[in-house]
Amino acid sequence: MRRLLPLLCLFALPVFSVGAQPAGNQPLPAVPPPPPEMEAFDAALEPQVTIVKNEKETREEYRSGGKLYMIKVTPAVGKPYYLVDRHGDGIMLESETNPHPVRPPMWIIHRW
């Protein structure tokens, strides 16, 4: 078995050679430039983030178009949570970090 393994590796070497390419392969064409009507970058579309720190918590306020739509609150002790304006009416509701938490079924199968 010890003599067979080096022979197998020796015969497999041409299969895994780096420089060999099949004869039918062509190089990929160059990537075309974007259409002229596309703009490169619009800074007005980026959200504005304001960070407010105090001794109890750190708040990150996210605004788009001057309107507050989300707040990330990171308390000094505990895990962060989000307040989100879902309907655009200015009422902030707490949002779960994981929108689809695992909820195992808790059916009663048998009682004594």
N, C-alpha and C. Protein backbone atom coordinates (compact mmCIF):
# COMPACT_ATOMS: atom_id res chain seq x y z
N MET A 1 0.82 -1.19 0.00
CA MET A 1 0.00 0.00 0.00
C MET A 1 0.87 1.26 0.00
N ARG A 2 1.99 1.23 0.75
CA ARG A 2 2.88 2.38 0.80
C ARG A 2 3.53 2.64 -0.54
N ARG A 3 3.75 1.62 -1.33
CA ARG A 3 4.36 1.80 -2.64
C ARG A 3 3.33 2.26 -3.67
N LEU A 4 2.08 1.91 -3.45
CA LEU A 4 1.03 2.23 -4.41
C LEU A 4 0.63 3.71 -4.34
N LEU A 5 0.61 4.29 -3.15
CA LEU A 5 0.20 5.68 -2.98
C LEU A 5 1.09 6.66 -3.75
N PRO A 6 2.42 6.58 -3.67
CA PRO A 6 3.24 7.52 -4.48
C PRO A 6 3.04 7.34 -5.98
N LEU A 7 2.80 6.12 -6.44
CA LEU A 7 2.55 5.91 -7.86
C LEU A 7 1.24 6.55 -8.30
N LEU A 8 0.20 6.44 -7.46
CA LEU A 8 -1.07 7.08 -7.79
C LEU A 8 -0.94 8.60 -7.84
N CYS A 9 -0.19 9.16 -6.90
CA CYS A 9 0.03 10.60 -6.89
C CYS A 9 0.80 11.05 -8.13
N LEU A 10 1.74 10.25 -8.55
CA LEU A 10 2.53 10.57 -9.72
C LEU A 10 1.68 10.57 -11.00
N PHE A 11 0.75 9.61 -11.10
CA PHE A 11 -0.12 9.55 -12.29
C PHE A 11 -1.20 10.63 -12.26
N ALA A 12 -1.59 11.07 -11.06
CA ALA A 12 -2.62 12.10 -10.95
C ALA A 12 -2.06 13.50 -11.16
N LEU A 13 -0.77 13.67 -11.13
CA LEU A 13 -0.15 14.98 -11.27
C LEU A 13 -0.51 15.69 -12.57
N PRO A 14 -0.52 15.05 -13.73
CA PRO A 14 -0.90 15.77 -14.95
C PRO A 14 -2.36 16.25 -14.94
N VAL A 15 -3.22 15.58 -14.20
CA VAL A 15 -4.63 15.99 -14.15
C VAL A 15 -4.77 17.32 -13.43
N PHE A 16 -3.97 17.54 -12.40
CA PHE A 16 -4.09 18.75 -11.59
C PHE A 16 -3.05 19.80 -11.95
N SER A 17 -2.53 19.77 -13.13
CA SER A 17 -1.51 20.76 -13.50
C SER A 17 -2.15 22.14 -13.60
N VAL A 18 -1.41 23.15 -13.19
CA VAL A 18 -1.93 24.51 -13.09
C VAL A 18 -1.99 25.20 -14.45
N GLY A 19 -1.00 25.03 -15.27
CA GLY A 19 -0.91 25.79 -16.50
C GLY A 19 -1.74 25.25 -17.65
N ALA A 20 -2.28 24.07 -17.53
CA ALA A 20 -2.99 23.46 -18.66
C ALA A 20 -4.40 24.00 -18.76
N GLN A 21 -4.81 24.39 -19.96
CA GLN A 21 -6.17 24.82 -20.24
C GLN A 21 -6.68 24.02 -21.44
N PRO A 22 -7.96 23.65 -21.42
CA PRO A 22 -8.50 22.97 -22.59
C PRO A 22 -8.44 23.88 -23.81
N ALA A 23 -8.39 23.28 -24.99
CA ALA A 23 -8.18 24.04 -26.22
C ALA A 23 -9.36 24.94 -26.58
N GLY A 24 -10.59 24.63 -26.12
CA GLY A 24 -11.77 25.39 -26.52
C GLY A 24 -12.05 26.62 -25.67
N ASN A 25 -11.30 26.87 -24.62
CA ASN A 25 -11.58 28.01 -23.74
C ASN A 25 -11.10 29.31 -24.36
N GLN A 26 -11.93 30.35 -24.23
CA GLN A 26 -11.61 31.70 -24.69
C GLN A 26 -11.57 32.62 -23.47
N PRO A 27 -10.77 33.68 -23.49
CA PRO A 27 -10.77 34.62 -22.36
C PRO A 27 -12.10 35.36 -22.30
N LEU A 28 -12.47 35.78 -21.09
CA LEU A 28 -13.72 36.52 -20.89
C LEU A 28 -13.62 37.90 -21.52
N PRO A 29 -14.74 38.41 -22.06
CA PRO A 29 -14.70 39.77 -22.63
C PRO A 29 -14.60 40.81 -21.52
N ALA A 30 -14.13 42.00 -21.88
CA ALA A 30 -14.01 43.09 -20.91
C ALA A 30 -15.39 43.55 -20.46
N VAL A 31 -15.48 44.02 -19.23
CA VAL A 31 -16.75 44.49 -18.68
C VAL A 31 -17.10 45.83 -19.32
N PRO A 32 -18.32 45.96 -19.87
CA PRO A 32 -18.69 47.23 -20.52
C PRO A 32 -18.91 48.31 -19.47
N PRO A 33 -18.73 49.59 -19.84
CA PRO A 33 -18.97 50.68 -18.89
C PRO A 33 -20.47 50.81 -18.60
N PRO A 34 -20.84 51.41 -17.46
CA PRO A 34 -22.27 51.57 -17.15
C PRO A 34 -22.93 52.55 -18.12
N PRO A 35 -24.25 52.45 -18.27
CA PRO A 35 -24.95 53.37 -19.17
C PRO A 35 -24.78 54.83 -18.72
N PRO A 36 -24.82 55.78 -19.64
CA PRO A 36 -24.58 57.18 -19.28
C PRO A 36 -25.66 57.76 -18.37
N GLU A 37 -26.88 57.23 -18.36
CA GLU A 37 -27.93 57.80 -17.52
C GLU A 37 -27.79 57.42 -16.04
N MET A 38 -26.90 56.48 -15.72
CA MET A 38 -26.69 56.11 -14.32
C MET A 38 -25.76 57.11 -13.66
N GLU A 39 -26.12 57.56 -12.45
CA GLU A 39 -25.26 58.47 -11.71
C GLU A 39 -24.33 57.66 -10.84
N ALA A 40 -23.15 58.18 -10.61
CA ALA A 40 -22.14 57.43 -9.87
C ALA A 40 -22.53 57.27 -8.40
N PHE A 41 -22.80 58.35 -7.68
CA PHE A 41 -23.09 58.28 -6.26
C PHE A 41 -23.85 59.52 -5.86
N ASP A 42 -24.94 59.33 -5.13
CA ASP A 42 -25.74 60.45 -4.66
C ASP A 42 -25.69 60.47 -3.14
N ALA A 43 -25.03 61.46 -2.57
CA ALA A 43 -24.88 61.54 -1.11
C ALA A 43 -26.20 61.79 -0.41
N ALA A 44 -27.19 62.33 -1.12
CA ALA A 44 -28.49 62.60 -0.50
C ALA A 44 -29.24 61.30 -0.17
N LEU A 45 -28.90 60.21 -0.85
CA LEU A 45 -29.57 58.94 -0.59
C LEU A 45 -29.01 58.22 0.65
N GLU A 46 -27.83 58.60 1.07
CA GLU A 46 -27.22 57.97 2.24
C GLU A 46 -27.89 58.48 3.51
N PRO A 47 -28.13 57.59 4.50
CA PRO A 47 -28.74 58.06 5.76
C PRO A 47 -27.73 58.88 6.58
N GLN A 48 -28.27 59.82 7.33
CA GLN A 48 -27.44 60.61 8.23
C GLN A 48 -27.52 59.94 9.60
N VAL A 49 -26.37 59.67 10.21
CA VAL A 49 -26.32 58.99 11.50
C VAL A 49 -25.75 59.95 12.53
N THR A 50 -26.52 60.15 13.62
CA THR A 50 -26.08 60.99 14.73
C THR A 50 -25.87 60.09 15.94
N ILE A 51 -24.70 60.15 16.53
CA ILE A 51 -24.39 59.31 17.69
C ILE A 51 -24.40 60.19 18.94
N VAL A 52 -25.24 59.80 19.92
CA VAL A 52 -25.36 60.53 21.18
C VAL A 52 -24.92 59.58 22.29
N LYS A 53 -23.86 59.96 23.02
CA LYS A 53 -23.34 59.11 24.09
C LYS A 53 -23.58 59.78 25.43
N ASN A 54 -23.98 58.99 26.42
CA ASN A 54 -24.00 59.44 27.80
C ASN A 54 -23.58 58.26 28.67
N GLU A 55 -23.60 58.43 29.98
CA GLU A 55 -23.05 57.39 30.84
C GLU A 55 -23.92 56.13 30.90
N LYS A 56 -25.20 56.23 30.59
CA LYS A 56 -26.09 55.06 30.66
C LYS A 56 -26.24 54.33 29.35
N GLU A 57 -26.14 55.06 28.22
CA GLU A 57 -26.41 54.43 26.93
C GLU A 57 -25.76 55.21 25.79
N THR A 58 -25.74 54.56 24.64
CA THR A 58 -25.31 55.20 23.39
C THR A 58 -26.46 55.06 22.40
N ARG A 59 -26.88 56.18 21.82
CA ARG A 59 -27.97 56.17 20.84
C ARG A 59 -27.42 56.53 19.47
N GLU A 60 -27.80 55.76 18.47
CA GLU A 60 -27.47 56.07 17.09
C GLU A 60 -28.79 56.40 16.39
N GLU A 61 -28.95 57.64 15.96
CA GLU A 61 -30.19 58.09 15.33
C GLU A 61 -29.99 58.14 13.82
N TYR A 62 -30.83 57.44 13.10
CA TYR A 62 -30.73 57.36 11.64
C TYR A 62 -31.82 58.23 11.02
N ARG A 63 -31.40 59.14 10.14
CA ARG A 63 -32.34 60.03 9.44
C ARG A 63 -32.14 59.90 7.94
N SER A 64 -33.25 59.99 7.22
CA SER A 64 -33.21 60.02 5.77
C SER A 64 -34.10 61.17 5.31
N GLY A 65 -33.53 62.09 4.59
CA GLY A 65 -34.28 63.27 4.17
C GLY A 65 -34.66 64.14 5.34
N GLY A 66 -33.87 64.12 6.43
CA GLY A 66 -34.15 64.92 7.61
C GLY A 66 -35.17 64.31 8.55
N LYS A 67 -35.73 63.14 8.20
CA LYS A 67 -36.76 62.52 9.03
C LYS A 67 -36.17 61.32 9.77
N LEU A 68 -36.38 61.29 11.09
CA LEU A 68 -35.89 60.21 11.93
C LEU A 68 -36.71 58.95 11.67
N TYR A 69 -36.02 57.84 11.30
CA TYR A 69 -36.76 56.61 11.03
C TYR A 69 -36.29 55.43 11.87
N MET A 70 -35.12 55.51 12.54
CA MET A 70 -34.66 54.39 13.35
C MET A 70 -33.69 54.89 14.40
N ILE A 71 -33.74 54.26 15.60
CA ILE A 71 -32.81 54.56 16.67
C ILE A 71 -32.27 53.23 17.18
N LYS A 72 -30.94 53.13 17.27
CA LYS A 72 -30.31 51.96 17.88
C LYS A 72 -29.82 52.40 19.25
N VAL A 73 -30.32 51.73 20.30
CA VAL A 73 -29.96 52.05 21.67
C VAL A 73 -29.06 50.94 22.18
N THR A 74 -27.84 51.31 22.60
CA THR A 74 -26.90 50.35 23.18
C THR A 74 -26.69 50.74 24.63
N PRO A 75 -27.35 50.04 25.58
CA PRO A 75 -27.15 50.38 26.99
C PRO A 75 -25.76 49.98 27.46
N ALA A 76 -25.31 50.61 28.57
CA ALA A 76 -24.00 50.29 29.12
C ALA A 76 -23.96 48.83 29.57
N VAL A 77 -25.08 48.34 30.09
CA VAL A 77 -25.18 46.94 30.51
C VAL A 77 -26.39 46.34 29.78
N GLY A 78 -26.18 45.28 29.05
CA GLY A 78 -27.27 44.64 28.32
C GLY A 78 -27.01 44.65 26.83
N LYS A 79 -27.97 44.09 26.11
CA LYS A 79 -27.79 44.02 24.66
C LYS A 79 -28.53 45.15 23.97
N PRO A 80 -28.08 45.56 22.79
CA PRO A 80 -28.71 46.68 22.09
C PRO A 80 -30.10 46.31 21.55
N TYR A 81 -30.91 47.34 21.37
CA TYR A 81 -32.23 47.16 20.78
C TYR A 81 -32.51 48.32 19.84
N TYR A 82 -33.51 48.16 18.99
CA TYR A 82 -33.83 49.13 17.96
C TYR A 82 -35.23 49.68 18.17
N LEU A 83 -35.41 50.96 17.92
CA LEU A 83 -36.71 51.60 17.87
C LEU A 83 -36.91 52.05 16.43
N VAL A 84 -38.00 51.60 15.80
CA VAL A 84 -38.20 51.83 14.38
C VAL A 84 -39.55 52.51 14.15
N ASP A 85 -39.57 53.51 13.28
CA ASP A 85 -40.80 54.17 12.84
C ASP A 85 -41.29 53.41 11.62
N ARG A 86 -42.19 52.45 11.82
CA ARG A 86 -42.61 51.55 10.74
C ARG A 86 -43.56 52.21 9.74
N HIS A 87 -44.42 53.12 10.23
CA HIS A 87 -45.44 53.68 9.35
C HIS A 87 -45.17 55.13 8.94
N GLY A 88 -44.06 55.71 9.41
CA GLY A 88 -43.73 57.08 9.05
C GLY A 88 -44.54 58.12 9.79
N ASP A 89 -45.18 57.73 10.92
CA ASP A 89 -46.01 58.66 11.68
C ASP A 89 -45.31 59.23 12.90
N GLY A 90 -44.02 58.90 13.11
CA GLY A 90 -43.27 59.43 14.24
C GLY A 90 -43.36 58.60 15.50
N ILE A 91 -44.14 57.52 15.48
CA ILE A 91 -44.26 56.64 16.64
C ILE A 91 -43.22 55.54 16.51
N MET A 92 -42.31 55.49 17.48
CA MET A 92 -41.24 54.50 17.45
C MET A 92 -41.67 53.25 18.20
N LEU A 93 -41.54 52.11 17.54
CA LEU A 93 -41.86 50.82 18.15
C LEU A 93 -40.60 49.99 18.26
N GLU A 94 -40.50 49.21 19.35
CA GLU A 94 -39.33 48.38 19.53
C GLU A 94 -39.36 47.25 18.51
N SER A 95 -38.24 47.04 17.88
CA SER A 95 -38.12 46.01 16.87
C SER A 95 -37.24 44.90 17.40
N GLU A 96 -37.60 43.67 17.08
CA GLU A 96 -36.77 42.54 17.49
C GLU A 96 -35.52 42.51 16.64
N THR A 97 -34.41 42.10 17.26
CA THR A 97 -33.16 42.00 16.51
C THR A 97 -33.26 40.89 15.50
N ASN A 98 -33.88 39.78 15.88
CA ASN A 98 -34.10 38.67 14.98
C ASN A 98 -35.58 38.67 14.60
N PRO A 99 -35.94 39.02 13.37
CA PRO A 99 -37.36 39.12 13.02
C PRO A 99 -38.08 37.77 13.00
N HIS A 100 -37.37 36.67 12.90
CA HIS A 100 -37.98 35.34 12.89
C HIS A 100 -37.34 34.47 13.96
N PRO A 101 -37.68 34.72 15.23
CA PRO A 101 -37.05 33.92 16.28
C PRO A 101 -37.57 32.48 16.24
N VAL A 102 -36.77 31.57 16.75
CA VAL A 102 -37.17 30.17 16.80
C VAL A 102 -38.16 30.00 17.94
N ARG A 103 -39.32 29.53 17.61
CA ARG A 103 -40.36 29.29 18.61
C ARG A 103 -40.77 27.82 18.52
N PRO A 104 -40.21 26.98 19.37
CA PRO A 104 -40.55 25.57 19.29
C PRO A 104 -42.00 25.34 19.70
N PRO A 105 -42.66 24.37 19.12
CA PRO A 105 -44.04 24.08 19.50
C PRO A 105 -44.07 23.57 20.94
N MET A 106 -45.05 24.03 21.70
CA MET A 106 -45.18 23.61 23.09
C MET A 106 -46.57 23.03 23.30
N TRP A 107 -46.87 21.97 22.59
CA TRP A 107 -48.15 21.31 22.70
C TRP A 107 -48.16 20.40 23.91
N ILE A 108 -49.30 20.25 24.51
CA ILE A 108 -49.45 19.29 25.62
C ILE A 108 -49.80 17.96 24.99
N ILE A 109 -48.93 17.00 25.17
CA ILE A 109 -49.16 15.69 24.59
C ILE A 109 -49.88 14.79 25.59
N HIS A 110 -49.49 14.87 26.84
CA HIS A 110 -50.11 14.01 27.84
C HIS A 110 -50.02 14.68 29.19
N ARG A 111 -51.06 14.56 29.99
CA ARG A 111 -51.06 15.07 31.37
C ARG A 111 -51.35 13.93 32.33
N TRP A 112 -50.73 13.99 33.49
CA TRP A 112 -51.02 12.97 34.51
C TRP A 112 -52.09 13.48 35.42
